[in-house]
Amino acid sequence: MKIVAVVGNPKPRSRTLGVATTVAQTLADGLGGGPTAPTISVIELADHAAEMFSWESAPLGTLTDQVAGSDLVVFASPTYKGAYTGLLKAFLDRYPSDGLHGVVAVPVMTGAAAVHALAVEVHLRPLLVDLGATVPTRGLYVLESQLGDLEPVVQAWSVQADPLIRRALGVGDAAPGNDP
C-alpha cells in the first residue's frame, strides 16, 4: 500500500506539511502494520515550483507518475483567496481527465477562519473527482487555531473517514460488501 502526501503550500516546511503528514500517518496507522504496512512518501510542491510549468520536466513527470500510481493520496493546501493554492492547481493540471483513476484521494485544507471551511468540499474535492480520483469521505479543514493540538482534530475526523477509506481501498473489514 502506497500513501503519498502532496503539499501545495508555496512555503517549504509549512504548517500544511505538518497537517498532511499527520493525516497520512493516521491513515497508515488505521490500515495496519506488519509486513504489508503502508509506505508514506511526501511531495512538497514548493521544492519543485521553479519547474512547475516546464512540461518536459523529468522530475515532475516522475512525481506525477508516483502520485497516479499510489493507492491513497492526501492532497493538502492552505486556503488562498477562499480556495486551494495555484501551486497545487498547476501540479494537478499536469494530469489528463481521469489521470488519477484508481487513486483514493483525501482533500485537506488549512485556514485562518471557519468561514472558508467549505473550500475543501466546494473547490478541492470536485477537482480531484474530475481527475478520476475516488474521494470517499469528507475532506478535512483544519483551522490555524487547531494546529497546536492537531492530533485530536485528525483523530476525530478519522473515526468517520477510516471505514470509508478502507472500503474504497478494498482493505480488511471494510471491504466492499461488508459494513464497517
Foldseek 3Di string as FASTA:
>chain_A
DEEEEEEQELDPPDLQQVLSVLLRVVLQVLQHDDPPRYDYYYHYLNVVVVCLPVLPDPVLVVVLVSQLPGAEYEYEAEQDPLEGDPSSVSSLVSADFLSNANHEYAYEYEYADCVSVCRSVPPVVVSCVRSRHHHQAGHYYHHPVCSVPVNVSSVVRCVVVNLRSCCSSCGDQSDPPHDD
